[in-house]
């Protein structure tokens, strides 16, 4: 596979981002164009991973002290400071298992260290379970610091964090 390139997202990427999100909506929150536009006003990082000119993956991440309405983000906000919350990493099906997620997480760790952020945070679905994500985050050094049952949903999550060495 050609080398994936991580770059900042542009408006021209929105359709591809929305398509990737829709393809993985069973393990993500739904997102339409209006929601994406709103999130981009708050996000710290909105990255695209490009392979041979195609959008292969995207990332949305937020630092603390944002007005983001995610209950999982708010959980971390109540407990930690100087963190980067990984809201979603979505990799197109044909690009999975090729090291893109590991490349993104290396870049996230470097970014957090350079910005003197103390934590990378992410939630992982427990119900319904997402075993590949659980295994990946454990491999990346994330540890569970809490769990949360989402109100009105048949969903619970593991709230995990990685301590950045600054």
N, C-alpha and C. Protein backbone atom coordinates (compact mmCIF):
# COMPACT_ATOMS: atom_id res chain seq x y z
N UNK A 1 0.84 -1.18 0.00
CA UNK A 1 0.00 0.00 0.00
C UNK A 1 0.88 1.25 0.00
N UNK A 2 0.55 2.23 -0.82
CA UNK A 2 1.29 3.49 -0.80
C UNK A 2 1.22 4.15 0.59
N UNK A 3 2.19 4.99 0.87
CA UNK A 3 2.26 5.65 2.17
C UNK A 3 1.07 6.57 2.40
N UNK A 4 0.33 6.35 3.49
CA UNK A 4 -0.77 7.26 3.82
C UNK A 4 -0.22 8.61 4.26
N UNK A 5 -0.92 9.67 3.92
CA UNK A 5 -0.53 11.03 4.28
C UNK A 5 -1.60 11.61 5.20
N UNK A 6 -1.17 12.10 6.35
CA UNK A 6 -2.08 12.78 7.27
C UNK A 6 -2.00 14.27 6.99
N UNK A 7 -3.16 14.88 6.80
CA UNK A 7 -3.21 16.33 6.53
C UNK A 7 -4.46 16.91 7.17
N UNK A 8 -4.49 18.22 7.28
CA UNK A 8 -5.68 18.89 7.77
C UNK A 8 -6.83 18.76 6.77
N UNK A 9 -8.04 18.64 7.28
CA UNK A 9 -9.23 18.52 6.42
C UNK A 9 -9.60 19.87 5.83
N UNK A 10 -10.26 19.82 4.69
CA UNK A 10 -10.80 21.02 4.06
C UNK A 10 -12.28 20.78 3.76
N UNK A 11 -12.95 21.84 3.39
CA UNK A 11 -14.37 21.72 3.04
C UNK A 11 -14.57 20.72 1.90
N UNK A 12 -13.60 20.62 1.02
CA UNK A 12 -13.69 19.68 -0.10
C UNK A 12 -13.73 18.22 0.37
N UNK A 13 -13.33 17.96 1.60
CA UNK A 13 -13.33 16.60 2.14
C UNK A 13 -14.65 16.20 2.80
N UNK A 14 -15.55 17.16 3.00
CA UNK A 14 -16.75 16.89 3.79
C UNK A 14 -17.58 15.72 3.27
N UNK A 15 -17.80 15.64 1.97
CA UNK A 15 -18.62 14.54 1.44
C UNK A 15 -17.99 13.19 1.74
N UNK A 16 -16.69 13.07 1.57
CA UNK A 16 -16.00 11.81 1.85
C UNK A 16 -16.07 11.49 3.34
N UNK A 17 -15.90 12.49 4.20
CA UNK A 17 -15.98 12.30 5.65
C UNK A 17 -17.37 11.81 6.04
N UNK A 18 -18.39 12.46 5.50
CA UNK A 18 -19.77 12.06 5.83
C UNK A 18 -20.07 10.64 5.34
N UNK A 19 -19.54 10.29 4.20
CA UNK A 19 -19.72 8.94 3.66
C UNK A 19 -19.04 7.90 4.55
N UNK A 20 -17.81 8.18 4.97
CA UNK A 20 -17.11 7.27 5.87
C UNK A 20 -17.84 7.13 7.19
N UNK A 21 -18.32 8.25 7.72
CA UNK A 21 -19.05 8.21 8.99
C UNK A 21 -20.31 7.36 8.86
N UNK A 22 -21.05 7.55 7.78
CA UNK A 22 -22.28 6.80 7.55
C UNK A 22 -22.00 5.30 7.45
N UNK A 23 -20.92 4.94 6.81
CA UNK A 23 -20.57 3.52 6.64
C UNK A 23 -20.25 2.85 7.98
N UNK A 24 -19.86 3.64 8.99
CA UNK A 24 -19.52 3.10 10.31
C UNK A 24 -20.46 3.58 11.40
N UNK A 25 -21.64 4.04 11.03
CA UNK A 25 -22.55 4.66 12.01
C UNK A 25 -22.99 3.68 13.11
N UNK A 26 -22.87 2.40 12.88
CA UNK A 26 -23.26 1.42 13.91
C UNK A 26 -22.37 1.54 15.15
N UNK A 27 -21.16 2.07 15.02
CA UNK A 27 -20.27 2.24 16.17
C UNK A 27 -19.91 3.71 16.42
N UNK A 28 -20.63 4.61 15.76
CA UNK A 28 -20.39 6.05 15.91
C UNK A 28 -21.71 6.78 16.11
N UNK A 29 -21.59 8.04 16.46
CA UNK A 29 -22.76 8.91 16.46
C UNK A 29 -23.04 9.33 15.02
N UNK A 30 -24.31 9.44 14.67
CA UNK A 30 -24.63 9.94 13.32
C UNK A 30 -24.10 11.37 13.15
N UNK A 31 -23.82 11.74 11.90
CA UNK A 31 -23.32 13.07 11.64
C UNK A 31 -23.74 13.49 10.24
N UNK A 32 -24.49 14.59 10.17
CA UNK A 32 -24.83 15.17 8.86
C UNK A 32 -23.92 16.38 8.63
N UNK A 33 -24.11 17.04 7.50
CA UNK A 33 -23.22 18.16 7.15
C UNK A 33 -23.31 19.29 8.17
N UNK A 34 -24.51 19.60 8.64
CA UNK A 34 -24.67 20.67 9.63
C UNK A 34 -23.93 20.34 10.92
N UNK A 35 -24.00 19.08 11.35
CA UNK A 35 -23.31 18.65 12.57
C UNK A 35 -21.79 18.72 12.36
N UNK A 36 -21.33 18.26 11.22
CA UNK A 36 -19.90 18.32 10.92
C UNK A 36 -19.41 19.77 10.94
N UNK A 37 -20.16 20.66 10.31
CA UNK A 37 -19.77 22.07 10.30
C UNK A 37 -19.72 22.64 11.71
N UNK A 38 -20.68 22.26 12.55
CA UNK A 38 -20.67 22.72 13.95
C UNK A 38 -19.44 22.18 14.68
N UNK A 39 -19.17 20.89 14.53
CA UNK A 39 -18.02 20.30 15.22
C UNK A 39 -16.70 20.94 14.80
N UNK A 40 -16.59 21.31 13.53
CA UNK A 40 -15.33 21.90 13.07
C UNK A 40 -15.07 23.27 13.70
N UNK A 41 -16.12 23.90 14.24
CA UNK A 41 -15.90 25.18 14.92
C UNK A 41 -15.28 24.99 16.30
N UNK A 42 -15.34 23.76 16.82
CA UNK A 42 -14.84 23.48 18.17
C UNK A 42 -13.62 22.56 18.18
N UNK A 43 -13.43 21.84 17.11
CA UNK A 43 -12.41 20.79 17.11
C UNK A 43 -11.00 21.36 17.16
N UNK A 44 -10.14 20.65 17.83
CA UNK A 44 -8.71 20.98 17.84
C UNK A 44 -8.06 20.39 16.60
N UNK A 45 -8.44 19.17 16.27
CA UNK A 45 -7.87 18.48 15.12
C UNK A 45 -8.97 17.88 14.26
N UNK A 46 -8.90 18.15 12.99
CA UNK A 46 -9.76 17.52 12.00
C UNK A 46 -8.81 17.09 10.89
N UNK A 47 -8.37 15.83 10.99
CA UNK A 47 -7.37 15.31 10.08
C UNK A 47 -8.00 14.37 9.06
N UNK A 48 -7.38 14.34 7.92
CA UNK A 48 -7.71 13.39 6.86
C UNK A 48 -6.48 12.52 6.65
N UNK A 49 -6.71 11.24 6.40
CA UNK A 49 -5.64 10.37 5.94
C UNK A 49 -5.94 10.08 4.48
N UNK A 50 -4.98 10.43 3.65
CA UNK A 50 -5.15 10.30 2.21
C UNK A 50 -4.22 9.20 1.68
N UNK A 51 -4.76 8.36 0.82
CA UNK A 51 -3.97 7.33 0.16
C UNK A 51 -4.22 7.47 -1.34
N UNK A 52 -3.17 7.79 -2.07
CA UNK A 52 -3.25 7.98 -3.52
C UNK A 52 -4.39 8.92 -3.92
N UNK A 53 -4.49 10.04 -3.20
CA UNK A 53 -5.49 11.05 -3.51
C UNK A 53 -6.89 10.76 -3.01
N UNK A 54 -7.09 9.60 -2.35
CA UNK A 54 -8.41 9.24 -1.84
C UNK A 54 -8.46 9.43 -0.32
N UNK A 55 -9.60 9.89 0.19
CA UNK A 55 -9.78 10.00 1.63
C UNK A 55 -9.99 8.59 2.18
N UNK A 56 -9.00 8.11 2.91
CA UNK A 56 -9.04 6.76 3.47
C UNK A 56 -9.57 6.74 4.89
N UNK A 57 -9.40 7.86 5.61
CA UNK A 57 -9.77 7.92 7.03
C UNK A 57 -9.88 9.38 7.46
N UNK A 58 -10.52 9.57 8.62
CA UNK A 58 -10.53 10.91 9.22
C UNK A 58 -10.54 10.80 10.73
N UNK A 59 -10.17 11.90 11.35
CA UNK A 59 -10.11 12.01 12.81
C UNK A 59 -10.71 13.34 13.22
N UNK A 60 -11.50 13.31 14.29
CA UNK A 60 -11.95 14.52 14.98
C UNK A 60 -11.50 14.41 16.43
N UNK A 61 -10.83 15.44 16.94
CA UNK A 61 -10.38 15.44 18.33
C UNK A 61 -10.54 16.83 18.92
N UNK A 62 -10.82 16.87 20.23
CA UNK A 62 -11.12 18.12 20.94
C UNK A 62 -10.26 18.23 22.19
N UNK A 63 -9.79 19.42 22.47
CA UNK A 63 -9.13 19.69 23.74
C UNK A 63 -10.20 20.03 24.78
N UNK A 64 -9.76 20.15 26.03
CA UNK A 64 -10.71 20.51 27.09
C UNK A 64 -11.16 21.97 26.95
N UNK A 65 -12.18 22.31 27.70
CA UNK A 65 -12.77 23.66 27.72
C UNK A 65 -13.47 24.04 26.43
N UNK A 66 -14.08 23.07 25.79
CA UNK A 66 -14.90 23.34 24.59
C UNK A 66 -16.37 23.17 24.98
N UNK A 67 -17.24 23.71 24.17
CA UNK A 67 -18.68 23.62 24.42
C UNK A 67 -19.28 22.39 23.71
N UNK A 68 -18.51 21.34 23.62
CA UNK A 68 -18.93 20.14 22.92
C UNK A 68 -19.97 19.39 23.76
N UNK A 69 -21.07 18.99 23.13
CA UNK A 69 -22.20 18.40 23.86
C UNK A 69 -22.15 16.89 24.03
N UNK A 70 -21.08 16.25 23.67
CA UNK A 70 -20.94 14.80 23.84
C UNK A 70 -20.88 14.46 25.33
N UNK A 71 -21.70 13.51 25.76
CA UNK A 71 -21.70 13.12 27.18
C UNK A 71 -20.37 12.47 27.57
N UNK A 72 -19.74 11.81 26.63
CA UNK A 72 -18.44 11.19 26.94
C UNK A 72 -17.35 12.26 27.07
N UNK A 73 -17.36 13.23 26.18
CA UNK A 73 -16.43 14.36 26.29
C UNK A 73 -16.65 15.07 27.63
N UNK A 74 -17.89 15.29 27.99
CA UNK A 74 -18.20 15.97 29.25
C UNK A 74 -17.72 15.17 30.46
N UNK A 75 -17.81 13.84 30.37
CA UNK A 75 -17.32 12.99 31.46
C UNK A 75 -15.83 13.27 31.69
N UNK A 76 -15.05 13.27 30.61
CA UNK A 76 -13.62 13.55 30.74
C UNK A 76 -13.39 14.98 31.23
N UNK A 77 -14.17 15.92 30.75
CA UNK A 77 -14.02 17.33 31.15
C UNK A 77 -14.19 17.53 32.65
N UNK A 78 -15.05 16.73 33.25
CA UNK A 78 -15.29 16.83 34.70
C UNK A 78 -14.15 16.25 35.52
N UNK A 79 -13.28 15.48 34.90
CA UNK A 79 -12.27 14.75 35.65
C UNK A 79 -10.81 15.09 35.30
N UNK A 80 -10.59 15.56 34.08
CA UNK A 80 -9.22 15.78 33.62
C UNK A 80 -9.05 17.19 33.05
N UNK A 81 -7.83 17.63 33.03
CA UNK A 81 -7.47 18.91 32.40
C UNK A 81 -6.34 18.65 31.42
N UNK A 82 -6.19 19.55 30.48
CA UNK A 82 -5.12 19.47 29.47
C UNK A 82 -5.15 18.11 28.75
N UNK A 83 -6.32 17.81 28.17
CA UNK A 83 -6.47 16.55 27.45
C UNK A 83 -6.87 16.79 26.00
N UNK A 84 -6.69 15.75 25.21
CA UNK A 84 -7.15 15.72 23.84
C UNK A 84 -8.10 14.53 23.74
N UNK A 85 -9.35 14.83 23.49
CA UNK A 85 -10.40 13.81 23.40
C UNK A 85 -10.53 13.36 21.95
N UNK A 86 -10.32 12.08 21.72
CA UNK A 86 -10.44 11.50 20.38
C UNK A 86 -11.90 11.15 20.18
N UNK A 87 -12.60 12.00 19.48
CA UNK A 87 -14.04 11.81 19.29
C UNK A 87 -14.32 10.66 18.34
N UNK A 88 -13.63 10.66 17.23
CA UNK A 88 -13.81 9.55 16.28
C UNK A 88 -12.63 9.46 15.34
N UNK A 89 -12.28 8.22 15.08
CA UNK A 89 -11.32 7.87 14.04
C UNK A 89 -12.07 6.89 13.17
N UNK A 90 -12.24 7.23 11.91
CA UNK A 90 -12.99 6.39 10.99
C UNK A 90 -12.09 6.05 9.81
N UNK A 91 -11.94 4.76 9.59
CA UNK A 91 -11.10 4.27 8.51
C UNK A 91 -11.98 3.50 7.53
N UNK A 92 -11.89 3.85 6.27
CA UNK A 92 -12.65 3.16 5.24
C UNK A 92 -12.35 1.67 5.25
N UNK A 93 -13.37 0.88 4.99
CA UNK A 93 -13.23 -0.58 5.11
C UNK A 93 -12.06 -1.13 4.30
N UNK A 94 -11.86 -0.64 3.09
CA UNK A 94 -10.78 -1.16 2.25
C UNK A 94 -9.39 -0.77 2.73
N UNK A 95 -9.31 0.15 3.71
CA UNK A 95 -8.02 0.61 4.22
C UNK A 95 -7.71 0.08 5.63
N UNK A 96 -8.60 -0.71 6.19
CA UNK A 96 -8.40 -1.22 7.54
C UNK A 96 -7.32 -2.30 7.56
N UNK A 97 -6.71 -2.46 8.75
CA UNK A 97 -5.68 -3.47 8.98
C UNK A 97 -4.43 -3.21 8.15
N UNK A 98 -4.17 -1.93 7.89
CA UNK A 98 -2.98 -1.56 7.11
C UNK A 98 -2.08 -0.58 7.86
N UNK A 99 -2.32 -0.43 9.16
CA UNK A 99 -1.46 0.43 9.98
C UNK A 99 -1.86 1.89 10.04
N UNK A 100 -2.98 2.25 9.43
CA UNK A 100 -3.40 3.66 9.43
C UNK A 100 -3.75 4.13 10.83
N UNK A 101 -4.48 3.32 11.59
CA UNK A 101 -4.85 3.72 12.96
C UNK A 101 -3.59 3.93 13.81
N UNK A 102 -2.63 3.04 13.68
CA UNK A 102 -1.38 3.19 14.44
C UNK A 102 -0.65 4.46 14.03
N UNK A 103 -0.65 4.77 12.74
CA UNK A 103 -0.02 6.00 12.26
C UNK A 103 -0.72 7.23 12.85
N UNK A 104 -2.05 7.21 12.87
CA UNK A 104 -2.81 8.32 13.45
C UNK A 104 -2.48 8.49 14.93
N UNK A 105 -2.45 7.38 15.67
CA UNK A 105 -2.20 7.47 17.10
C UNK A 105 -0.77 7.91 17.41
N UNK A 106 0.21 7.52 16.58
CA UNK A 106 1.57 8.05 16.76
C UNK A 106 1.57 9.57 16.57
N UNK A 107 0.86 10.03 15.54
CA UNK A 107 0.77 11.47 15.29
C UNK A 107 0.04 12.19 16.43
N UNK A 108 -1.00 11.57 16.97
CA UNK A 108 -1.72 12.16 18.10
C UNK A 108 -0.83 12.27 19.34
N UNK A 109 -0.07 11.24 19.61
CA UNK A 109 0.83 11.26 20.77
C UNK A 109 1.88 12.36 20.61
N UNK A 110 2.43 12.48 19.41
CA UNK A 110 3.40 13.55 19.15
C UNK A 110 2.76 14.93 19.29
N UNK A 111 1.57 15.08 18.74
CA UNK A 111 0.87 16.35 18.82
C UNK A 111 0.62 16.73 20.29
N UNK A 112 0.08 15.77 21.05
CA UNK A 112 -0.22 16.03 22.46
C UNK A 112 1.05 16.41 23.22
N UNK A 113 2.13 15.72 22.96
CA UNK A 113 3.38 16.03 23.65
C UNK A 113 3.87 17.43 23.27
N UNK A 114 3.82 17.76 22.00
CA UNK A 114 4.26 19.09 21.54
C UNK A 114 3.39 20.22 22.09
N UNK A 115 2.12 19.93 22.31
CA UNK A 115 1.20 20.94 22.84
C UNK A 115 1.13 20.92 24.37
N UNK A 116 1.94 20.08 24.99
CA UNK A 116 1.98 19.91 26.44
C UNK A 116 0.62 19.53 27.02
N UNK A 117 -0.07 18.65 26.31
CA UNK A 117 -1.31 18.08 26.81
C UNK A 117 -0.93 16.83 27.62
N UNK A 118 -1.67 16.57 28.69
CA UNK A 118 -1.30 15.48 29.59
C UNK A 118 -1.99 14.15 29.28
N UNK A 119 -3.12 14.21 28.57
CA UNK A 119 -3.91 12.99 28.35
C UNK A 119 -4.45 12.91 26.94
N UNK A 120 -4.49 11.70 26.41
CA UNK A 120 -5.31 11.37 25.26
C UNK A 120 -6.46 10.56 25.81
N UNK A 121 -7.67 10.89 25.41
CA UNK A 121 -8.87 10.23 25.94
C UNK A 121 -9.73 9.69 24.81
N UNK A 122 -10.35 8.55 25.07
CA UNK A 122 -11.24 7.95 24.08
C UNK A 122 -12.22 7.04 24.79
N UNK A 123 -13.43 6.95 24.24
CA UNK A 123 -14.36 5.94 24.75
C UNK A 123 -14.45 4.81 23.74
N UNK A 124 -14.70 3.62 24.27
CA UNK A 124 -14.80 2.43 23.44
C UNK A 124 -16.09 1.72 23.80
N UNK A 125 -16.83 1.32 22.80
CA UNK A 125 -18.10 0.62 23.06
C UNK A 125 -17.88 -0.71 23.76
N UNK A 126 -18.62 -0.89 24.88
CA UNK A 126 -18.66 -2.16 25.57
C UNK A 126 -19.95 -2.92 25.24
N UNK A 127 -21.02 -2.15 25.08
CA UNK A 127 -22.31 -2.73 24.73
C UNK A 127 -22.97 -1.82 23.71
N UNK A 128 -23.07 -2.23 22.46
CA UNK A 128 -22.50 -3.48 21.92
C UNK A 128 -20.98 -3.39 21.88
N UNK A 129 -20.36 -4.52 22.08
CA UNK A 129 -18.91 -4.58 22.22
C UNK A 129 -18.20 -4.28 20.89
N UNK A 130 -17.04 -3.64 21.02
CA UNK A 130 -16.19 -3.37 19.86
C UNK A 130 -14.80 -3.95 20.17
N UNK A 131 -14.66 -5.30 20.13
CA UNK A 131 -13.39 -5.94 20.50
C UNK A 131 -12.17 -5.44 19.75
N UNK A 132 -12.25 -5.16 18.42
CA UNK A 132 -11.04 -4.64 17.78
C UNK A 132 -10.57 -3.31 18.37
N UNK A 133 -11.51 -2.43 18.70
CA UNK A 133 -11.14 -1.14 19.28
C UNK A 133 -10.58 -1.31 20.69
N UNK A 134 -11.18 -2.20 21.46
CA UNK A 134 -10.68 -2.46 22.81
C UNK A 134 -9.23 -2.95 22.73
N UNK A 135 -8.97 -3.93 21.87
CA UNK A 135 -7.62 -4.49 21.74
C UNK A 135 -6.64 -3.43 21.23
N UNK A 136 -7.06 -2.64 20.25
CA UNK A 136 -6.18 -1.61 19.70
C UNK A 136 -5.79 -0.60 20.76
N UNK A 137 -6.77 -0.10 21.51
CA UNK A 137 -6.47 0.92 22.53
C UNK A 137 -5.60 0.36 23.65
N UNK A 138 -5.81 -0.90 24.02
CA UNK A 138 -4.92 -1.52 25.02
C UNK A 138 -3.49 -1.58 24.48
N UNK A 139 -3.35 -1.97 23.22
CA UNK A 139 -2.04 -2.04 22.59
C UNK A 139 -1.37 -0.66 22.55
N UNK A 140 -2.16 0.39 22.42
CA UNK A 140 -1.64 1.76 22.37
C UNK A 140 -1.33 2.32 23.76
N UNK A 141 -1.63 1.56 24.82
CA UNK A 141 -1.32 2.00 26.18
C UNK A 141 -2.46 2.72 26.90
N UNK A 142 -3.66 2.69 26.35
CA UNK A 142 -4.81 3.29 27.01
C UNK A 142 -5.28 2.37 28.13
N UNK A 143 -5.69 2.98 29.23
CA UNK A 143 -6.25 2.21 30.35
C UNK A 143 -7.65 2.73 30.65
N UNK A 144 -8.48 1.85 31.12
CA UNK A 144 -9.84 2.25 31.48
C UNK A 144 -9.82 3.01 32.79
N UNK A 145 -10.47 4.18 32.79
CA UNK A 145 -10.57 4.98 34.02
C UNK A 145 -12.02 5.14 34.45
N UNK A 146 -12.94 4.58 33.70
CA UNK A 146 -14.36 4.63 34.05
C UNK A 146 -15.20 3.94 33.00
N UNK A 147 -16.48 3.82 33.34
CA UNK A 147 -17.47 3.30 32.39
C UNK A 147 -18.70 4.17 32.49
N UNK A 148 -19.48 4.17 31.42
CA UNK A 148 -20.68 5.00 31.40
C UNK A 148 -21.76 4.28 30.60
N UNK A 149 -22.96 4.25 31.19
CA UNK A 149 -24.15 3.77 30.50
C UNK A 149 -24.81 4.99 29.89
N UNK A 150 -25.03 4.97 28.58
CA UNK A 150 -25.63 6.12 27.93
C UNK A 150 -27.13 6.11 28.13
N UNK A 151 -27.65 7.19 28.67
CA UNK A 151 -29.06 7.31 29.04
C UNK A 151 -29.94 7.17 27.80
N UNK A 152 -30.96 6.32 27.95
CA UNK A 152 -31.92 6.13 26.87
C UNK A 152 -31.41 5.29 25.73
N UNK A 153 -30.25 4.69 25.89
CA UNK A 153 -29.67 3.87 24.82
C UNK A 153 -29.24 2.53 25.38
N UNK A 154 -29.24 1.56 24.54
CA UNK A 154 -28.72 0.24 24.90
C UNK A 154 -27.22 0.23 24.63
N UNK A 155 -26.54 1.17 25.24
CA UNK A 155 -25.11 1.34 24.95
C UNK A 155 -24.37 1.70 26.22
N UNK A 156 -23.23 1.05 26.42
CA UNK A 156 -22.32 1.45 27.49
C UNK A 156 -20.92 1.53 26.90
N UNK A 157 -20.10 2.36 27.52
CA UNK A 157 -18.76 2.61 27.00
C UNK A 157 -17.71 2.50 28.09
N UNK A 158 -16.51 2.14 27.67
CA UNK A 158 -15.34 2.19 28.52
C UNK A 158 -14.67 3.53 28.24
N UNK A 159 -14.38 4.28 29.28
CA UNK A 159 -13.73 5.58 29.15
C UNK A 159 -12.25 5.37 29.46
N UNK A 160 -11.43 5.59 28.44
CA UNK A 160 -10.01 5.24 28.55
C UNK A 160 -9.13 6.47 28.39
N UNK A 161 -7.93 6.37 28.93
CA UNK A 161 -6.99 7.48 28.83
C UNK A 161 -5.57 6.95 28.68
N UNK A 162 -4.76 7.74 28.02
CA UNK A 162 -3.34 7.49 27.84
C UNK A 162 -2.61 8.69 28.40
N UNK A 163 -1.69 8.46 29.33
CA UNK A 163 -0.94 9.58 29.91
C UNK A 163 0.24 9.92 29.01
N UNK A 164 0.26 11.16 28.55
CA UNK A 164 1.30 11.64 27.66
C UNK A 164 2.51 12.05 28.49
N UNK A 165 3.69 11.63 28.08
CA UNK A 165 4.90 12.06 28.78
C UNK A 165 5.36 13.38 28.18
N UNK A 166 5.32 14.42 28.99
CA UNK A 166 5.69 15.76 28.50
C UNK A 166 7.10 16.12 28.93
